Amino acid sequence: MNPAELVHILYLVAIVAEAMTAALAAGRRQMDWVGVALLGSITALGGGSVRDVLLGRHPLSWVEHPSYLLITGGAALATIALARQMPHLRRVFLFLDAVGLVVFTVIGCNVAIALDMPVVIVIAAGMITGCVGGVLRDMLCADIPLLFRAELYATVSVVTSLVYLGGQRLGFPHDLVMLAAMVVGLGLRLLALRFGWSMPKFVYTESLH
């Protein structure tokens, strides 16, 4: 199996995991089955869709590959039957979410690089692909997006992008750089979860009135 095939397999695993965690969020908001399927697909595919719209890249991934809608919607609906078992799989899904974050980030960077975008846009494309699906999920569920909280999430995406770009600029083989970036990003995310690492919070309690 070459690295490109590995990334594609990890991508499919990641969108399934993202759809299933979104289904649980839908369940906490007592959504109907259509809402569960929609939220699952939006969460899993939303980051890439927003990236492609902003970069003017068409067709969108789920338009080019309609099976992605079936996979994510189906995974979300399957979660309804598996809901009672999900608390026992919490660590598994945290791990898969971390995998999804770094895989989505690398894919987003690749898309921007293929469009010959500047470095800042490449990093932004990686972060949008990795994080915006979760932002859409939280917004639709009326929650504060994880991206805007202190947890190391967007930071992991940025670090993954920097390692990926830096390795390419230094002339290392592409496949090696891609795997190294994902390993570094995954390691950082897992360490942040294990030790509770977070970004500094801004707390302001005074009223201006």
N, C-alpha and C. Protein backbone atom coordinates (compact mmCIF):
# COMPACT_ATOMS: atom_id res chain seq x y z
N MET A 1 0.84 -1.19 0.00
CA MET A 1 0.00 0.00 0.00
C MET A 1 0.88 1.25 0.00
N ASN A 2 0.67 2.13 -0.98
CA ASN A 2 1.46 3.36 -1.02
C ASN A 2 0.81 4.42 -0.13
N PRO A 3 1.57 5.47 0.21
CA PRO A 3 1.04 6.50 1.13
C PRO A 3 -0.25 7.16 0.66
N ALA A 4 -0.40 7.35 -0.65
CA ALA A 4 -1.63 7.97 -1.16
C ALA A 4 -2.84 7.10 -0.86
N GLU A 5 -2.69 5.78 -1.03
CA GLU A 5 -3.79 4.86 -0.72
C GLU A 5 -4.08 4.86 0.78
N LEU A 6 -3.01 4.93 1.58
CA LEU A 6 -3.17 4.97 3.03
C LEU A 6 -3.96 6.21 3.45
N VAL A 7 -3.61 7.36 2.88
CA VAL A 7 -4.31 8.60 3.20
C VAL A 7 -5.78 8.50 2.81
N HIS A 8 -6.06 7.89 1.67
CA HIS A 8 -7.46 7.76 1.24
C HIS A 8 -8.24 6.87 2.20
N ILE A 9 -7.63 5.76 2.64
CA ILE A 9 -8.30 4.87 3.59
C ILE A 9 -8.53 5.60 4.91
N LEU A 10 -7.51 6.33 5.38
CA LEU A 10 -7.65 7.09 6.63
C LEU A 10 -8.73 8.16 6.48
N TYR A 11 -8.83 8.75 5.29
CA TYR A 11 -9.86 9.76 5.03
C TYR A 11 -11.25 9.15 5.19
N LEU A 12 -11.45 7.97 4.62
CA LEU A 12 -12.75 7.31 4.72
C LEU A 12 -13.07 6.95 6.17
N VAL A 13 -12.07 6.45 6.89
CA VAL A 13 -12.27 6.14 8.31
C VAL A 13 -12.62 7.41 9.08
N ALA A 14 -11.93 8.49 8.74
CA ALA A 14 -12.14 9.75 9.45
C ALA A 14 -13.53 10.32 9.21
N ILE A 15 -14.02 10.28 7.96
CA ILE A 15 -15.34 10.86 7.71
C ILE A 15 -16.44 10.01 8.37
N VAL A 16 -16.20 8.71 8.46
CA VAL A 16 -17.16 7.86 9.17
C VAL A 16 -17.18 8.22 10.66
N ALA A 17 -16.00 8.36 11.26
CA ALA A 17 -15.90 8.71 12.67
C ALA A 17 -16.52 10.08 12.95
N GLU A 18 -16.24 11.06 12.08
CA GLU A 18 -16.79 12.39 12.26
C GLU A 18 -18.32 12.38 12.16
N ALA A 19 -18.83 11.60 11.21
CA ALA A 19 -20.28 11.50 11.05
C ALA A 19 -20.93 10.87 12.27
N MET A 20 -20.28 9.89 12.85
CA MET A 20 -20.84 9.20 14.02
C MET A 20 -20.82 10.09 15.26
N THR A 21 -19.75 10.85 15.45
CA THR A 21 -19.71 11.76 16.60
C THR A 21 -20.73 12.89 16.42
N ALA A 22 -20.92 13.32 15.17
CA ALA A 22 -21.94 14.34 14.90
C ALA A 22 -23.34 13.79 15.19
N ALA A 23 -23.55 12.51 14.90
CA ALA A 23 -24.85 11.90 15.18
C ALA A 23 -25.16 11.92 16.67
N LEU A 24 -24.13 11.71 17.49
CA LEU A 24 -24.34 11.77 18.93
C LEU A 24 -24.72 13.19 19.36
N ALA A 25 -24.07 14.18 18.74
CA ALA A 25 -24.43 15.57 19.04
C ALA A 25 -25.87 15.85 18.62
N ALA A 26 -26.28 15.29 17.49
CA ALA A 26 -27.67 15.44 17.04
C ALA A 26 -28.63 14.79 18.03
N GLY A 27 -28.23 13.63 18.56
CA GLY A 27 -29.07 12.94 19.53
C GLY A 27 -29.24 13.74 20.81
N ARG A 28 -28.16 14.42 21.23
CA ARG A 28 -28.27 15.24 22.44
C ARG A 28 -29.21 16.41 22.22
N ARG A 29 -29.37 16.82 20.96
CA ARG A 29 -30.31 17.90 20.63
C ARG A 29 -31.67 17.36 20.17
N GLN A 30 -31.86 16.05 20.30
CA GLN A 30 -33.13 15.39 19.98
C GLN A 30 -33.59 15.67 18.54
N MET A 31 -32.65 15.59 17.60
CA MET A 31 -33.00 15.77 16.19
C MET A 31 -33.64 14.51 15.63
N ASP A 32 -34.43 14.67 14.57
CA ASP A 32 -35.01 13.49 13.93
C ASP A 32 -33.95 12.82 13.06
N TRP A 33 -34.32 11.71 12.44
CA TRP A 33 -33.34 10.91 11.71
C TRP A 33 -32.77 11.67 10.51
N VAL A 34 -33.58 12.49 9.87
CA VAL A 34 -33.06 13.30 8.76
C VAL A 34 -32.01 14.27 9.27
N GLY A 35 -32.29 14.90 10.40
CA GLY A 35 -31.32 15.82 11.00
C GLY A 35 -30.04 15.11 11.38
N VAL A 36 -30.15 13.88 11.89
CA VAL A 36 -28.96 13.10 12.24
C VAL A 36 -28.09 12.86 11.01
N ALA A 37 -28.72 12.42 9.92
CA ALA A 37 -27.96 12.13 8.69
C ALA A 37 -27.34 13.40 8.11
N LEU A 38 -28.11 14.50 8.10
CA LEU A 38 -27.60 15.75 7.56
C LEU A 38 -26.44 16.29 8.39
N LEU A 39 -26.60 16.26 9.71
CA LEU A 39 -25.52 16.77 10.56
C LEU A 39 -24.27 15.92 10.41
N GLY A 40 -24.44 14.61 10.28
CA GLY A 40 -23.28 13.75 10.08
C GLY A 40 -22.53 14.08 8.79
N SER A 41 -23.26 14.26 7.71
CA SER A 41 -22.62 14.58 6.43
C SER A 41 -22.00 15.97 6.43
N ILE A 42 -22.69 16.94 7.02
CA ILE A 42 -22.17 18.31 7.08
C ILE A 42 -20.87 18.35 7.88
N THR A 43 -20.84 17.63 9.00
CA THR A 43 -19.65 17.63 9.84
C THR A 43 -18.48 16.97 9.14
N ALA A 44 -18.73 15.83 8.51
CA ALA A 44 -17.66 15.07 7.89
C ALA A 44 -17.13 15.73 6.62
N LEU A 45 -18.00 16.37 5.85
CA LEU A 45 -17.63 16.90 4.53
C LEU A 45 -17.61 18.42 4.47
N GLY A 46 -18.05 19.08 5.55
CA GLY A 46 -18.19 20.54 5.51
C GLY A 46 -16.88 21.28 5.38
N GLY A 47 -15.84 20.82 6.06
CA GLY A 47 -14.56 21.51 5.99
C GLY A 47 -14.00 21.55 4.57
N GLY A 48 -14.03 20.40 3.91
CA GLY A 48 -13.55 20.35 2.52
C GLY A 48 -14.41 21.16 1.58
N SER A 49 -15.72 21.19 1.84
CA SER A 49 -16.63 21.95 0.98
C SER A 49 -16.38 23.45 1.11
N VAL A 50 -16.23 23.93 2.36
CA VAL A 50 -15.94 25.36 2.57
C VAL A 50 -14.62 25.73 1.92
N ARG A 51 -13.62 24.88 2.09
CA ARG A 51 -12.31 25.13 1.45
C ARG A 51 -12.45 25.27 -0.05
N ASP A 52 -13.16 24.33 -0.67
CA ASP A 52 -13.28 24.34 -2.13
C ASP A 52 -14.05 25.56 -2.62
N VAL A 53 -15.08 25.95 -1.89
CA VAL A 53 -15.84 27.15 -2.27
C VAL A 53 -14.95 28.39 -2.19
N LEU A 54 -14.18 28.51 -1.11
CA LEU A 54 -13.31 29.68 -0.94
C LEU A 54 -12.19 29.72 -1.98
N LEU A 55 -11.70 28.55 -2.37
CA LEU A 55 -10.61 28.51 -3.35
C LEU A 55 -11.11 28.44 -4.79
N GLY A 56 -12.43 28.37 -4.97
CA GLY A 56 -12.99 28.29 -6.32
C GLY A 56 -12.70 26.97 -7.00
N ARG A 57 -12.65 25.91 -6.22
CA ARG A 57 -12.33 24.58 -6.76
C ARG A 57 -13.63 23.79 -6.93
N HIS A 58 -13.86 23.30 -8.13
CA HIS A 58 -15.08 22.55 -8.41
C HIS A 58 -14.75 21.35 -9.29
N PRO A 59 -15.56 20.26 -9.19
CA PRO A 59 -16.72 20.11 -8.29
C PRO A 59 -16.29 19.83 -6.86
N LEU A 60 -17.18 20.08 -5.92
CA LEU A 60 -16.92 19.74 -4.53
C LEU A 60 -16.73 18.22 -4.40
N SER A 61 -16.02 17.81 -3.35
CA SER A 61 -15.65 16.39 -3.23
C SER A 61 -16.87 15.47 -3.23
N TRP A 62 -17.94 15.88 -2.53
CA TRP A 62 -19.11 15.00 -2.45
C TRP A 62 -19.97 15.05 -3.71
N VAL A 63 -19.76 16.08 -4.53
CA VAL A 63 -20.42 16.12 -5.84
C VAL A 63 -19.67 15.21 -6.81
N GLU A 64 -18.35 15.25 -6.71
CA GLU A 64 -17.53 14.38 -7.55
C GLU A 64 -17.64 12.92 -7.12
N HIS A 65 -17.81 12.71 -5.82
CA HIS A 65 -17.92 11.35 -5.28
C HIS A 65 -19.19 11.26 -4.42
N PRO A 66 -20.36 11.07 -5.03
CA PRO A 66 -21.62 11.04 -4.26
C PRO A 66 -21.64 9.94 -3.19
N SER A 67 -20.79 8.94 -3.34
CA SER A 67 -20.75 7.87 -2.35
C SER A 67 -20.37 8.40 -0.97
N TYR A 68 -19.67 9.54 -0.92
CA TYR A 68 -19.30 10.11 0.38
C TYR A 68 -20.54 10.50 1.18
N LEU A 69 -21.57 10.97 0.49
CA LEU A 69 -22.82 11.31 1.17
C LEU A 69 -23.48 10.07 1.75
N LEU A 70 -23.46 8.98 0.97
CA LEU A 70 -24.04 7.73 1.44
C LEU A 70 -23.26 7.18 2.63
N ILE A 71 -21.94 7.27 2.55
CA ILE A 71 -21.09 6.75 3.63
C ILE A 71 -21.33 7.53 4.92
N THR A 72 -21.30 8.86 4.83
CA THR A 72 -21.42 9.67 6.04
C THR A 72 -22.85 9.65 6.60
N GLY A 73 -23.83 9.77 5.72
CA GLY A 73 -25.21 9.70 6.18
C GLY A 73 -25.54 8.34 6.77
N GLY A 74 -25.05 7.29 6.12
CA GLY A 74 -25.28 5.94 6.62
C GLY A 74 -24.61 5.71 7.96
N ALA A 75 -23.37 6.22 8.11
CA ALA A 75 -22.65 6.06 9.38
C ALA A 75 -23.39 6.79 10.50
N ALA A 76 -23.92 7.98 10.19
CA ALA A 76 -24.66 8.73 11.20
C ALA A 76 -25.91 7.98 11.63
N LEU A 77 -26.64 7.42 10.68
CA LEU A 77 -27.85 6.68 11.02
C LEU A 77 -27.53 5.39 11.77
N ALA A 78 -26.42 4.74 11.41
CA ALA A 78 -26.03 3.52 12.11
C ALA A 78 -25.73 3.79 13.58
N THR A 79 -25.31 5.02 13.86
CA THR A 79 -24.99 5.40 15.24
C THR A 79 -26.21 5.32 16.14
N ILE A 80 -27.39 5.52 15.57
CA ILE A 80 -28.62 5.44 16.35
C ILE A 80 -28.74 4.06 16.99
N ALA A 81 -28.43 3.02 16.20
CA ALA A 81 -28.52 1.66 16.72
C ALA A 81 -27.39 1.34 17.69
N LEU A 82 -26.25 2.04 17.55
CA LEU A 82 -25.08 1.74 18.37
C LEU A 82 -24.91 2.70 19.54
N ALA A 83 -25.88 3.59 19.73
CA ALA A 83 -25.71 4.68 20.69
C ALA A 83 -25.35 4.19 22.10
N ARG A 84 -25.95 3.09 22.52
CA ARG A 84 -25.69 2.61 23.88
C ARG A 84 -24.25 2.15 24.08
N GLN A 85 -23.61 1.75 23.00
CA GLN A 85 -22.23 1.27 23.10
C GLN A 85 -21.20 2.40 22.97
N MET A 86 -21.64 3.56 22.51
CA MET A 86 -20.72 4.64 22.21
C MET A 86 -19.91 5.14 23.40
N PRO A 87 -20.49 5.24 24.61
CA PRO A 87 -19.67 5.70 25.74
C PRO A 87 -18.45 4.83 26.00
N HIS A 88 -18.53 3.54 25.66
CA HIS A 88 -17.41 2.63 25.86
C HIS A 88 -16.32 2.81 24.80
N LEU A 89 -16.67 3.52 23.74
CA LEU A 89 -15.74 3.73 22.62
C LEU A 89 -15.21 5.16 22.57
N ARG A 90 -15.37 5.88 23.67
CA ARG A 90 -15.00 7.30 23.69
C ARG A 90 -13.55 7.51 23.29
N ARG A 91 -12.63 6.74 23.86
CA ARG A 91 -11.21 6.92 23.55
C ARG A 91 -10.91 6.58 22.10
N VAL A 92 -11.60 5.59 21.58
CA VAL A 92 -11.40 5.22 20.17
C VAL A 92 -11.78 6.39 19.28
N PHE A 93 -12.91 7.03 19.58
CA PHE A 93 -13.37 8.13 18.74
C PHE A 93 -12.53 9.39 18.92
N LEU A 94 -11.98 9.60 20.11
CA LEU A 94 -11.05 10.71 20.29
C LEU A 94 -9.81 10.50 19.43
N PHE A 95 -9.34 9.26 19.38
CA PHE A 95 -8.17 8.94 18.55
C PHE A 95 -8.51 9.13 17.08
N LEU A 96 -9.67 8.62 16.65
CA LEU A 96 -10.04 8.75 15.25
C LEU A 96 -10.28 10.21 14.86
N ASP A 97 -10.80 11.00 15.80
CA ASP A 97 -10.97 12.43 15.55
C ASP A 97 -9.62 13.10 15.33
N ALA A 98 -8.62 12.70 16.12
CA ALA A 98 -7.27 13.25 15.95
C ALA A 98 -6.69 12.84 14.61
N VAL A 99 -6.91 11.59 14.23
CA VAL A 99 -6.45 11.12 12.92
C VAL A 99 -7.13 11.93 11.82
N GLY A 100 -8.43 12.13 11.95
CA GLY A 100 -9.15 12.91 10.94
C GLY A 100 -8.63 14.31 10.82
N LEU A 101 -8.31 14.93 11.95
CA LEU A 101 -7.80 16.30 11.93
C LEU A 101 -6.53 16.42 11.09
N VAL A 102 -5.57 15.52 11.30
CA VAL A 102 -4.30 15.64 10.58
C VAL A 102 -4.45 15.20 9.12
N VAL A 103 -5.27 14.19 8.88
CA VAL A 103 -5.48 13.75 7.49
C VAL A 103 -6.19 14.84 6.69
N PHE A 104 -7.25 15.40 7.25
CA PHE A 104 -7.96 16.49 6.57
C PHE A 104 -7.03 17.67 6.32
N THR A 105 -6.17 17.96 7.29
CA THR A 105 -5.24 19.09 7.15
C THR A 105 -4.29 18.88 5.98
N VAL A 106 -3.71 17.70 5.90
CA VAL A 106 -2.77 17.40 4.81
C VAL A 106 -3.48 17.45 3.46
N ILE A 107 -4.69 16.89 3.40
CA ILE A 107 -5.45 16.92 2.16
C ILE A 107 -5.74 18.36 1.75
N GLY A 108 -6.13 19.19 2.72
CA GLY A 108 -6.40 20.60 2.42
C GLY A 108 -5.18 21.32 1.91
N CYS A 109 -4.04 21.05 2.52
CA CYS A 109 -2.78 21.65 2.05
C CYS A 109 -2.48 21.23 0.62
N ASN A 110 -2.68 19.95 0.32
CA ASN A 110 -2.41 19.45 -1.02
C ASN A 110 -3.27 20.14 -2.07
N VAL A 111 -4.55 20.35 -1.73
CA VAL A 111 -5.46 21.02 -2.66
C VAL A 111 -4.96 22.43 -2.96
N ALA A 112 -4.59 23.17 -1.92
CA ALA A 112 -4.13 24.54 -2.11
C ALA A 112 -2.80 24.59 -2.86
N ILE A 113 -1.91 23.64 -2.58
CA ILE A 113 -0.63 23.58 -3.29
C ILE A 113 -0.86 23.32 -4.77
N ALA A 114 -1.78 22.40 -5.08
CA ALA A 114 -2.10 22.09 -6.48
C ALA A 114 -2.64 23.30 -7.22
N LEU A 115 -3.27 24.23 -6.48
CA LEU A 115 -3.80 25.45 -7.09
C LEU A 115 -2.78 26.58 -7.07
N ASP A 116 -1.54 26.25 -6.64
CA ASP A 116 -0.44 27.21 -6.61
C ASP A 116 -0.74 28.42 -5.72
N MET A 117 -1.27 28.14 -4.55
CA MET A 117 -1.61 29.20 -3.60
C MET A 117 -0.40 29.57 -2.74
N PRO A 118 -0.37 30.81 -2.21
CA PRO A 118 0.71 31.22 -1.31
C PRO A 118 0.71 30.39 -0.03
N VAL A 119 1.83 30.45 0.68
CA VAL A 119 2.00 29.64 1.89
C VAL A 119 0.90 29.88 2.91
N VAL A 120 0.56 31.15 3.14
CA VAL A 120 -0.46 31.47 4.15
C VAL A 120 -1.80 30.83 3.77
N ILE A 121 -2.14 30.84 2.49
CA ILE A 121 -3.40 30.25 2.03
C ILE A 121 -3.35 28.73 2.15
N VAL A 122 -2.20 28.15 1.90
CA VAL A 122 -2.05 26.69 2.05
C VAL A 122 -2.32 26.28 3.49
N ILE A 123 -1.74 27.03 4.43
CA ILE A 123 -1.95 26.72 5.85
C ILE A 123 -3.42 26.93 6.23
N ALA A 124 -4.00 28.02 5.73
CA ALA A 124 -5.42 28.29 6.01
C ALA A 124 -6.31 27.20 5.42
N ALA A 125 -5.98 26.73 4.22
CA ALA A 125 -6.76 25.67 3.59
C ALA A 125 -6.70 24.38 4.41
N GLY A 126 -5.51 24.08 4.94
CA GLY A 126 -5.37 22.90 5.79
C GLY A 126 -6.21 23.02 7.04
N MET A 127 -6.16 24.20 7.67
CA MET A 127 -6.91 24.40 8.91
C MET A 127 -8.42 24.38 8.65
N ILE A 128 -8.85 25.00 7.57
CA ILE A 128 -10.28 25.00 7.23
C ILE A 128 -10.77 23.56 7.01
N THR A 129 -10.01 22.80 6.26
CA THR A 129 -10.40 21.42 5.98
C THR A 129 -10.47 20.59 7.26
N GLY A 130 -9.50 20.83 8.16
CA GLY A 130 -9.44 20.04 9.38
C GLY A 130 -10.45 20.44 10.43
N CYS A 131 -10.81 21.72 10.48
CA CYS A 131 -11.56 22.23 11.64
C CYS A 131 -12.98 22.70 11.37
N VAL A 132 -13.27 23.14 10.16
CA VAL A 132 -14.54 23.82 9.93
C VAL A 132 -15.75 22.89 10.01
N GLY A 133 -15.56 21.61 9.69
CA GLY A 133 -16.67 20.68 9.83
C GLY A 133 -17.18 20.64 11.26
N GLY A 134 -16.25 20.61 12.21
CA GLY A 134 -16.64 20.62 13.62
C GLY A 134 -17.28 21.93 14.02
N VAL A 135 -16.81 23.03 13.44
CA VAL A 135 -17.41 24.35 13.72
C VAL A 135 -18.86 24.36 13.24
N LEU A 136 -19.11 23.86 12.05
CA LEU A 136 -20.48 23.80 11.52
C LEU A 136 -21.37 22.94 12.41
N ARG A 137 -20.84 21.80 12.85
CA ARG A 137 -21.61 20.92 13.75
C ARG A 137 -22.00 21.66 15.02
N ASP A 138 -21.02 22.32 15.64
CA ASP A 138 -21.29 23.00 16.91
C ASP A 138 -22.25 24.17 16.72
N MET A 139 -22.11 24.89 15.62
CA MET A 139 -23.02 26.01 15.36
C MET A 139 -24.44 25.52 15.16
N LEU A 140 -24.61 24.44 14.41
CA LEU A 140 -25.95 23.90 14.16
C LEU A 140 -26.57 23.32 15.44
N CYS A 141 -25.70 22.94 16.38
CA CYS A 141 -26.18 22.43 17.67
C CYS A 141 -26.21 23.52 18.73
N ALA A 142 -25.97 24.77 18.33
CA ALA A 142 -26.00 25.92 19.25
C ALA A 142 -24.98 25.77 20.37
N ASP A 143 -23.80 25.23 20.06
CA ASP A 143 -22.71 25.12 21.02
C ASP A 143 -21.58 26.07 20.61
N ILE A 144 -20.72 26.42 21.58
CA ILE A 144 -19.52 27.19 21.25
C ILE A 144 -18.57 26.25 20.52
N PRO A 145 -18.15 26.57 19.29
CA PRO A 145 -17.27 25.67 18.55
C PRO A 145 -15.99 25.35 19.30
N LEU A 146 -15.57 24.09 19.20
CA LEU A 146 -14.34 23.63 19.83
C LEU A 146 -13.16 24.47 19.37
N LEU A 147 -13.19 24.92 18.12
CA LEU A 147 -12.11 25.72 17.57
C LEU A 147 -11.87 27.00 18.35
N PHE A 148 -12.92 27.54 18.96
CA PHE A 148 -12.83 28.82 19.66
C PHE A 148 -12.61 28.66 21.16
N ARG A 149 -12.42 27.42 21.59
CA ARG A 149 -12.13 27.18 22.98
C ARG A 149 -10.63 27.01 23.16
N ALA A 150 -10.20 26.77 24.37
CA ALA A 150 -8.77 26.77 24.67
C ALA A 150 -8.06 25.50 24.21
N GLU A 151 -8.81 24.47 23.89
CA GLU A 151 -8.22 23.18 23.56
C GLU A 151 -7.32 23.29 22.32
N LEU A 152 -6.21 22.51 22.31
CA LEU A 152 -5.31 22.51 21.16
C LEU A 152 -5.96 21.73 20.02
N TYR A 153 -6.51 22.44 19.07
CA TYR A 153 -7.16 21.81 17.92
C TYR A 153 -6.70 22.49 16.64
N ALA A 154 -7.05 23.77 16.49
CA ALA A 154 -6.57 24.51 15.33
C ALA A 154 -5.04 24.59 15.34
N THR A 155 -4.46 24.69 16.53
CA THR A 155 -3.00 24.76 16.64
C THR A 155 -2.36 23.51 16.07
N VAL A 156 -2.96 22.36 16.34
CA VAL A 156 -2.45 21.09 15.81
C VAL A 156 -2.49 21.11 14.29
N SER A 157 -3.57 21.64 13.74
CA SER A 157 -3.69 21.73 12.29
C SER A 157 -2.61 22.61 11.70
N VAL A 158 -2.35 23.75 12.34
CA VAL A 158 -1.31 24.67 11.85
C VAL A 158 0.06 24.02 11.92
N VAL A 159 0.36 23.34 13.02
CA VAL A 159 1.66 22.66 13.16
C VAL A 159 1.82 21.58 12.09
N THR A 160 0.77 20.82 11.86
CA THR A 160 0.80 19.79 10.82
C THR A 160 1.10 20.41 9.46
N SER A 161 0.45 21.52 9.16
CA SER A 161 0.68 22.22 7.89
C SER A 161 2.12 22.71 7.77
N LEU A 162 2.64 23.27 8.85
CA LEU A 162 4.01 23.80 8.83
C LEU A 162 5.04 22.71 8.62
N VAL A 163 4.84 21.57 9.29
CA VAL A 163 5.77 20.44 9.11
C VAL A 163 5.70 19.95 7.67
N TYR A 164 4.50 19.86 7.15
CA TYR A 164 4.31 19.38 5.78
C TYR A 164 4.97 20.32 4.77
N LEU A 165 4.71 21.61 4.91
CA LEU A 165 5.30 22.58 3.99
C LEU A 165 6.81 22.68 4.17
N GLY A 166 7.24 22.70 5.43
CA GLY A 166 8.67 22.82 5.71
C GLY A 166 9.46 21.66 5.14
N GLY A 167 8.93 20.46 5.29
CA GLY A 167 9.62 19.28 4.76
C GLY A 167 9.73 19.32 3.25
N GLN A 168 8.68 19.81 2.60
CA GLN A 168 8.74 19.91 1.14
C GLN A 168 9.74 20.98 0.69
N ARG A 169 9.75 22.11 1.41
CA ARG A 169 10.69 23.17 1.06
C ARG A 169 12.14 22.73 1.24
N LEU A 170 12.36 21.83 2.20
CA LEU A 170 13.72 21.33 2.44
C LEU A 170 14.11 20.21 1.48
N GLY A 171 13.19 19.81 0.63
CA GLY A 171 13.52 18.85 -0.41
C GLY A 171 13.40 17.39 -0.03
N PHE A 172 12.76 17.10 1.10
CA PHE A 172 12.57 15.70 1.48
C PHE A 172 11.51 15.06 0.59
N PRO A 173 11.55 13.72 0.44
CA PRO A 173 10.55 13.04 -0.40
C PRO A 173 9.13 13.33 0.09
N HIS A 174 8.23 13.54 -0.87
CA HIS A 174 6.86 13.94 -0.54
C HIS A 174 6.16 12.97 0.39
N ASP A 175 6.24 11.67 0.06
CA ASP A 175 5.54 10.69 0.88
C ASP A 175 6.05 10.67 2.32
N LEU A 176 7.37 10.81 2.48
CA LEU A 176 7.96 10.84 3.81
C LEU A 176 7.48 12.07 4.58
N VAL A 177 7.46 13.21 3.91
CA VAL A 177 7.03 14.45 4.55
C VAL A 177 5.56 14.37 4.96
N MET A 178 4.74 13.81 4.10
CA MET A 178 3.31 13.67 4.39
C MET A 178 3.09 12.81 5.63
N LEU A 179 3.75 11.67 5.69
CA LEU A 179 3.61 10.79 6.84
C LEU A 179 4.17 11.43 8.11
N ALA A 180 5.31 12.12 7.97
CA ALA A 180 5.91 12.77 9.14
C ALA A 180 5.01 13.86 9.69
N ALA A 181 4.39 14.64 8.80
CA ALA A 181 3.49 15.71 9.24
C ALA A 181 2.30 15.13 10.00
N MET A 182 1.76 14.03 9.49
CA MET A 182 0.60 13.43 10.15
C MET A 182 0.99 12.82 11.50
N VAL A 183 2.16 12.22 11.57
CA VAL A 183 2.62 11.63 12.82
C VAL A 183 2.86 12.72 13.87
N VAL A 184 3.50 13.82 13.46
CA VAL A 184 3.76 14.93 14.38
C VAL A 184 2.44 15.53 14.87
N GLY A 185 1.53 15.80 13.94
CA GLY A 185 0.25 16.39 14.31
C GLY A 185 -0.56 15.46 15.22
N LEU A 186 -0.58 14.18 14.87
CA LEU A 186 -1.32 13.21 15.68
C LEU A 186 -0.72 13.11 17.08
N GLY A 187 0.61 13.06 17.14
CA GLY A 187 1.27 12.98 18.44
C GLY A 187 0.97 14.19 19.30
N LEU A 188 0.99 15.38 18.70
CA LEU A 188 0.71 16.60 19.46
C LEU A 188 -0.73 16.61 19.97
N ARG A 189 -1.67 16.20 19.13
CA ARG A 189 -3.08 16.18 19.55
C ARG A 189 -3.31 15.18 20.68
N LEU A 190 -2.71 14.01 20.57
CA LEU A 190 -2.89 12.99 21.61
C LEU A 190 -2.24 13.41 22.92
N LEU A 191 -1.07 14.04 22.84
CA LEU A 191 -0.42 14.55 24.05
C LEU A 191 -1.26 15.65 24.70
N ALA A 192 -1.85 16.50 23.87
CA ALA A 192 -2.70 17.57 24.40
C ALA A 192 -3.91 16.99 25.13
N LEU A 193 -4.50 15.92 24.57
CA LEU A 193 -5.62 15.26 25.22
C LEU A 193 -5.19 14.58 26.52
N ARG A 194 -4.02 13.96 26.47
CA ARG A 194 -3.54 13.21 27.64
C ARG A 194 -3.20 14.13 28.81
N PHE A 195 -2.55 15.25 28.51
CA PHE A 195 -2.05 16.11 29.58
C PHE A 195 -2.87 17.40 29.75
N GLY A 196 -3.93 17.54 28.98
CA GLY A 196 -4.79 18.71 29.13
C GLY A 196 -4.15 20.00 28.66
N TRP A 197 -3.26 19.93 27.68
CA TRP A 197 -2.63 21.14 27.16
C TRP A 197 -3.68 22.01 26.48
N SER A 198 -3.54 23.31 26.61
CA SER A 198 -4.49 24.22 25.98
C SER A 198 -3.83 25.56 25.72
N MET A 199 -4.48 26.34 24.88
CA MET A 199 -4.03 27.70 24.62
C MET A 199 -4.50 28.61 25.76
N PRO A 200 -3.81 29.74 25.97
CA PRO A 200 -4.27 30.67 27.02
C PRO A 200 -5.67 31.20 26.71
N LYS A 201 -6.45 31.38 27.75
CA LYS A 201 -7.80 31.91 27.59
C LYS A 201 -7.81 33.42 27.81
N PHE A 202 -8.71 34.09 27.11
CA PHE A 202 -8.93 35.52 27.34
C PHE A 202 -10.19 35.64 28.20
N VAL A 203 -10.03 36.17 29.39
CA VAL A 203 -11.15 36.34 30.31
C VAL A 203 -11.32 37.82 30.62
N TYR A 204 -12.49 38.35 30.31
CA TYR A 204 -12.79 39.76 30.58
C TYR A 204 -14.18 39.85 31.19
N THR A 205 -14.27 40.31 32.40
CA THR A 205 -15.55 40.32 33.11
C THR A 205 -16.12 41.70 33.38
N GLU A 206 -15.32 42.74 33.10
CA GLU A 206 -15.80 44.09 33.38
C GLU A 206 -16.80 44.57 32.33
N SER A 207 -17.82 45.28 32.77
CA SER A 207 -18.79 45.84 31.84
C SER A 207 -18.36 47.24 31.43
N LEU A 208 -18.64 47.59 30.16
CA LEU A 208 -18.34 48.93 29.67
C LEU A 208 -19.47 49.91 29.95
N HIS A 209 -20.55 49.42 30.51
CA HIS A 209 -21.71 50.29 30.77
C HIS A 209 -21.93 50.46 32.26
